[in-house]
């Protein structure tokens, strides 16, 4: 079990331990490995094939007691499980979005009272009508190679999603600091005003991604094909991140709306 586990900065945990570097192993990783071992014990305790009933009875008691301890120490499968990594990225993105929402509400800029572009109103309307009552899937402790492949694709998109949310915060923070110092140029001011006007649409669009993630993961657990649908969103959030970094807000809204309207597997 330890042979298969790698630390965040490598190498394998067993190598670290054998070289006397055990102090470098993060506590979360140690708990993760412990939890995996306890789960393996649990599976072994339920398997009678090729093992005497006396051994099963003896080991089952030990394993079940160990599992109870593991669940108290670390209820889920640990931070290095693909589902936990996806959740971490979604939580990071939501944290950035909350900050972004606060910043655009406190911008104190005079927002022109004129109609929003169609792509913005359509994105807002889509997110209001989209089904948000999607529950997170029940992800098993052990995932087969095909499921892991899908999870890696979803994780890659979630990282771009979180990076996009972080970019929005960085953009607003920088421009507001320049505004306070009276160093904001007219073009930068117009860009900030546009971002504040489009903010509700971006918040809705970015938060809708969490619903889509749950839908994709449910498809994976139900063994429905999800790879081709994920490729659409993989390209979408690569382009969304690029548009955010270049302050091309109309492009960003258009990319999100186009991808969401495809409704690939949901």
Protein backbone atom coordinates (compact mmCIF):
# COMPACT_ATOMS: atom_id res chain seq x y z
CA UNK A 1 0.00 0.00 0.00
CA UNK A 2 2.78 2.44 0.90
CA UNK A 3 4.58 1.67 -2.37
CA UNK A 4 1.68 3.17 -4.30
CA UNK A 5 1.53 6.43 -2.33
CA UNK A 6 3.48 9.49 -3.34
CA UNK A 7 3.99 12.61 -1.26
CA UNK A 8 3.15 16.02 -2.64
CA UNK A 9 6.84 16.67 -3.34
CA UNK A 10 7.78 12.99 -3.95
CA UNK A 11 9.27 10.43 -3.76
CA UNK A 12 7.31 7.38 -2.56
CA UNK A 13 6.41 7.35 1.10
CA UNK A 14 8.25 4.07 1.68
CA UNK A 15 11.43 5.67 0.30
CA UNK A 16 11.03 8.64 2.63
CA UNK A 17 10.52 6.36 5.59
CA UNK A 18 13.48 4.11 4.72
CA UNK A 19 15.73 7.16 4.32
CA UNK A 20 14.78 8.50 7.71
CA UNK A 21 12.71 11.36 6.27
CA UNK A 22 9.44 10.38 7.92
CA UNK A 23 9.16 13.83 9.49
CA UNK A 24 8.64 15.30 6.01
CA UNK A 25 5.43 13.34 5.46
CA UNK A 26 2.38 15.62 5.87
CA UNK A 27 -0.09 14.54 8.54
CA UNK A 28 -2.91 14.50 5.98
CA UNK A 29 -0.97 12.09 3.78
CA UNK A 30 -0.21 9.83 6.75
CA UNK A 31 -3.89 9.75 7.67
CA UNK A 32 -4.78 9.04 4.05
CA UNK A 33 -2.45 6.02 3.86
CA UNK A 34 -3.72 4.77 7.21
CA UNK A 35 -7.29 5.07 6.05
CA UNK A 36 -6.56 3.20 2.81
CA UNK A 37 -4.96 0.37 4.80
CA UNK A 38 -7.94 0.16 7.12
CA UNK A 39 -10.27 -0.01 4.12
CA UNK A 40 -8.22 -2.85 2.67
CA UNK A 41 -8.49 -4.64 6.00
CA UNK A 42 -12.22 -4.12 5.91
CA UNK A 43 -12.45 -5.69 2.46
CA UNK A 44 -10.27 -8.59 3.57
CA UNK A 45 -12.42 -9.16 6.62
CA UNK A 46 -15.48 -9.60 4.40
CA UNK A 47 -13.75 -12.02 2.04
CA UNK A 48 -13.87 -15.70 3.03
CA UNK A 49 -12.53 -17.31 -0.13
CA UNK A 50 -9.37 -19.28 0.54
CA UNK A 51 -9.22 -18.28 4.22
CA UNK A 52 -10.28 -20.41 7.17
CA UNK A 53 -13.44 -19.35 8.97
CA UNK A 54 -11.45 -19.04 12.21
CA UNK A 55 -8.99 -16.61 10.58
CA UNK A 56 -11.83 -14.64 9.03
CA UNK A 57 -13.61 -14.37 12.36
CA UNK A 58 -10.42 -13.28 14.10
CA UNK A 59 -9.31 -10.78 11.42
CA UNK A 60 -12.82 -9.45 10.88
CA UNK A 61 -13.03 -8.30 14.47
CA UNK A 62 -9.65 -6.57 14.26
CA UNK A 63 -10.41 -5.02 10.89
CA UNK A 64 -13.84 -3.73 11.89
CA UNK A 65 -12.42 -2.21 15.05
CA UNK A 66 -9.68 -0.57 12.98
CA UNK A 67 -12.24 0.76 10.51
CA UNK A 68 -14.23 2.33 13.34
CA UNK A 69 -11.07 4.08 14.49
CA UNK A 70 -10.29 5.20 10.94
CA UNK A 71 -13.76 6.66 10.45
CA UNK A 72 -13.39 8.67 13.63
CA UNK A 73 -9.95 9.93 12.61
CA UNK A 74 -10.72 10.62 8.99
CA UNK A 75 -14.34 10.04 7.92
CA UNK A 76 -13.68 10.05 4.18
CA UNK A 77 -10.95 8.66 2.03
CA UNK A 78 -8.41 11.45 2.41
CA UNK A 79 -7.30 14.53 0.52
CA UNK A 80 -5.59 12.54 -2.24
CA UNK A 81 -8.72 10.70 -3.36
CA UNK A 82 -9.84 12.10 -6.76
CA UNK A 83 -13.24 13.15 -5.37
CA UNK A 84 -11.65 15.01 -2.46
CA UNK A 85 -9.32 16.81 -4.87
CA UNK A 86 -12.27 17.84 -7.05
CA UNK A 87 -14.14 19.11 -3.98
CA UNK A 88 -11.10 21.10 -2.88
CA UNK A 89 -10.97 22.89 -6.24
CA UNK A 90 -14.71 23.64 -6.12
CA UNK A 91 -14.37 25.02 -2.59
CA UNK A 92 -11.43 27.20 -3.61
CA UNK A 93 -13.39 28.54 -6.57
CA UNK A 94 -16.41 29.33 -4.39
CA UNK A 95 -14.18 31.17 -1.93
CA UNK A 96 -12.85 33.35 -4.75
CA UNK A 97 -16.38 33.94 -6.08
CA UNK A 98 -17.60 35.09 -2.67
CA UNK A 99 -14.72 37.57 -2.57
CA UNK A 100 -15.46 38.69 -6.12
CA UNK A 101 -19.12 39.22 -5.27
CA UNK A 102 -18.19 41.39 -2.27
CA UNK A 103 -15.71 43.45 -4.28
CA UNK A 104 -18.07 44.30 -7.12
CA UNK A 105 -20.77 45.26 -4.63
CA UNK A 106 -18.38 47.65 -2.89
CA UNK A 107 -16.87 49.15 -6.01
CA UNK A 108 -18.65 52.51 -5.52
CA UNK A 109 -18.53 53.19 -9.24
CA UNK A 110 -21.30 54.94 -11.12
CA UNK A 111 -22.74 52.13 -13.24
CA UNK A 112 -24.50 53.36 -16.39
CA UNK A 113 -28.20 52.54 -16.55
CA UNK A 114 -28.35 50.98 -19.98
CA UNK A 115 -29.41 47.56 -21.29
CA UNK A 116 -26.99 44.69 -20.89
CA UNK A 117 -25.79 42.81 -23.99
CA UNK A 118 -27.92 39.84 -25.01
CA UNK A 119 -25.17 37.35 -24.14
CA UNK A 120 -25.16 38.61 -20.54
CA UNK A 121 -28.93 38.59 -20.08
CA UNK A 122 -29.10 35.13 -21.69
CA UNK A 123 -26.38 33.80 -19.39
CA UNK A 124 -28.20 35.16 -16.33
CA UNK A 125 -31.50 33.69 -17.53
CA UNK A 126 -29.89 30.31 -18.24
CA UNK A 127 -28.37 30.05 -14.78
CA UNK A 128 -31.68 31.03 -13.16
CA UNK A 129 -33.54 28.32 -15.10
CA UNK A 130 -30.88 25.62 -14.86
CA UNK A 131 -31.52 22.75 -12.49
CA UNK A 132 -29.49 23.43 -9.36
CA UNK A 133 -30.99 20.60 -7.30
CA UNK A 134 -28.25 18.13 -8.12
CA UNK A 135 -26.80 16.24 -5.18
CA UNK A 136 -23.16 15.15 -5.02
CA UNK A 137 -22.70 11.52 -6.07
CA UNK A 138 -21.91 8.74 -3.65
CA UNK A 139 -18.29 8.13 -4.56
CA UNK A 140 -16.75 4.78 -3.51
CA UNK A 141 -13.43 4.50 -1.73
CA UNK A 142 -11.77 2.57 -4.56
CA UNK A 143 -12.05 3.67 -8.18
CA UNK A 144 -11.19 1.61 -11.23
CA UNK A 145 -8.83 2.92 -13.96
CA UNK A 146 -11.68 4.16 -16.19
CA UNK A 147 -13.26 6.15 -13.36
CA UNK A 148 -9.91 7.60 -12.33
CA UNK A 149 -9.37 8.74 -15.93
CA UNK A 150 -12.70 10.58 -15.89
CA UNK A 151 -11.98 12.11 -12.50
CA UNK A 152 -8.64 13.43 -13.75
CA UNK A 153 -10.39 15.14 -16.65
CA UNK A 154 -12.93 16.71 -14.29
CA UNK A 155 -10.17 17.76 -11.89
CA UNK A 156 -8.26 19.47 -14.72
CA UNK A 157 -11.33 21.53 -15.62
CA UNK A 158 -11.99 22.35 -11.95
CA UNK A 159 -8.46 23.71 -11.63
CA UNK A 160 -9.06 26.04 -14.59
CA UNK A 161 -12.41 26.97 -13.07
CA UNK A 162 -10.77 27.91 -9.75
CA UNK A 163 -7.99 29.79 -11.56
CA UNK A 164 -10.61 31.79 -13.49
CA UNK A 165 -12.39 32.74 -10.27
CA UNK A 166 -9.07 33.76 -8.74
CA UNK A 167 -8.29 35.88 -11.83
CA UNK A 168 -11.60 37.74 -11.47
CA UNK A 169 -10.70 38.62 -7.88
CA UNK A 170 -7.20 39.72 -8.85
CA UNK A 171 -8.55 41.94 -11.65
CA UNK A 172 -11.07 43.73 -9.45
CA UNK A 173 -8.63 44.08 -6.54
CA UNK A 174 -5.96 45.62 -8.76
CA UNK A 175 -8.35 48.07 -10.45
CA UNK A 176 -9.98 49.15 -7.19
CA UNK A 177 -6.55 49.84 -5.69
CA UNK A 178 -5.69 52.02 -8.69
CA UNK A 179 -9.05 53.75 -8.41
CA UNK A 180 -8.45 54.58 -4.75
CA UNK A 181 -4.99 55.93 -5.58
CA UNK A 182 -6.51 58.00 -8.43
CA UNK A 183 -4.30 56.21 -10.93
CA UNK A 184 -7.01 54.43 -12.91
CA UNK A 185 -6.95 55.37 -16.58
CA UNK A 186 -10.17 55.90 -18.50
CA UNK A 187 -9.89 52.62 -20.41
CA UNK A 188 -9.18 50.73 -17.18
CA UNK A 189 -12.15 52.46 -15.56
CA UNK A 190 -14.43 51.40 -18.41
CA UNK A 191 -13.12 47.86 -18.11
CA UNK A 192 -13.83 47.81 -14.37
CA UNK A 193 -17.34 49.19 -14.90
CA UNK A 194 -18.01 46.49 -17.49
CA UNK A 195 -16.77 43.79 -15.13
CA UNK A 196 -19.04 45.08 -12.35
CA UNK A 197 -22.02 45.16 -14.73
CA UNK A 198 -21.32 41.64 -15.94
CA UNK A 199 -20.50 40.36 -12.45
CA UNK A 200 -23.88 38.75 -11.69
CA UNK A 201 -23.75 36.82 -14.96
CA UNK A 202 -20.23 35.56 -14.24
CA UNK A 203 -21.19 34.58 -10.70
CA UNK A 204 -24.17 32.58 -11.95
CA UNK A 205 -22.18 30.98 -14.75
CA UNK A 206 -19.22 30.04 -12.59
CA UNK A 207 -21.40 28.64 -9.82
CA UNK A 208 -23.39 26.58 -12.32
CA UNK A 209 -20.20 24.64 -12.96
CA UNK A 210 -20.58 22.88 -9.61
CA UNK A 211 -23.95 21.53 -10.76
CA UNK A 212 -22.36 20.26 -13.96
CA UNK A 213 -19.55 18.57 -12.02
CA UNK A 214 -22.05 16.64 -9.92
CA UNK A 215 -23.86 15.65 -13.12
CA UNK A 216 -20.67 14.39 -14.74
CA UNK A 217 -19.63 12.44 -11.66
CA UNK A 218 -23.08 10.86 -11.43
CA UNK A 219 -22.71 9.83 -15.07
CA UNK A 220 -19.34 8.25 -14.27
CA UNK A 221 -20.78 6.34 -11.30
CA UNK A 222 -23.72 5.16 -13.39
CA UNK A 223 -21.29 4.11 -16.13
CA UNK A 224 -22.78 6.52 -18.65
CA UNK A 225 -20.31 7.90 -21.19
CA UNK A 226 -18.96 11.22 -20.00
CA UNK A 227 -15.60 11.63 -21.76
CA UNK A 228 -16.82 13.35 -24.90
CA UNK A 229 -18.96 15.76 -22.88
CA UNK A 230 -16.06 16.64 -20.60
CA UNK A 231 -13.91 17.62 -23.56
CA UNK A 232 -16.37 20.43 -24.34
CA UNK A 233 -15.96 21.90 -20.86
CA UNK A 234 -12.22 21.27 -20.80
CA UNK A 235 -11.82 23.55 -23.81
CA UNK A 236 -14.45 25.95 -22.44
CA UNK A 237 -12.60 26.69 -19.22
CA UNK A 238 -9.23 26.90 -20.94
CA UNK A 239 -10.72 29.65 -23.12
CA UNK A 240 -12.59 31.20 -20.18
CA UNK A 241 -9.36 31.52 -18.20
CA UNK A 242 -7.60 33.10 -21.19
CA UNK A 243 -10.46 35.57 -21.71
CA UNK A 244 -10.43 36.53 -18.02
CA UNK A 245 -6.68 37.12 -18.02
CA UNK A 246 -7.03 39.32 -21.11
CA UNK A 247 -10.09 41.15 -19.67
CA UNK A 248 -12.24 40.12 -22.64
CA UNK A 249 -15.48 39.97 -20.69
CA UNK A 250 -17.86 39.66 -23.66
CA UNK A 251 -15.84 36.70 -24.93
CA UNK A 252 -15.87 35.09 -21.51
CA UNK A 253 -19.66 35.34 -21.24
CA UNK A 254 -20.11 33.98 -24.77
CA UNK A 255 -17.83 31.00 -24.09
CA UNK A 256 -19.71 30.07 -20.91
CA UNK A 257 -23.14 30.40 -22.50
CA UNK A 258 -22.19 28.38 -25.57
CA UNK A 259 -20.81 25.55 -23.45
CA UNK A 260 -23.78 25.51 -21.07
CA UNK A 261 -26.29 25.47 -23.93
CA UNK A 262 -24.65 22.36 -25.35
CA UNK A 263 -26.08 20.37 -22.38
CA UNK A 264 -23.72 17.57 -23.31
CA UNK A 265 -24.82 14.81 -20.93
CA UNK A 266 -27.19 16.46 -18.46
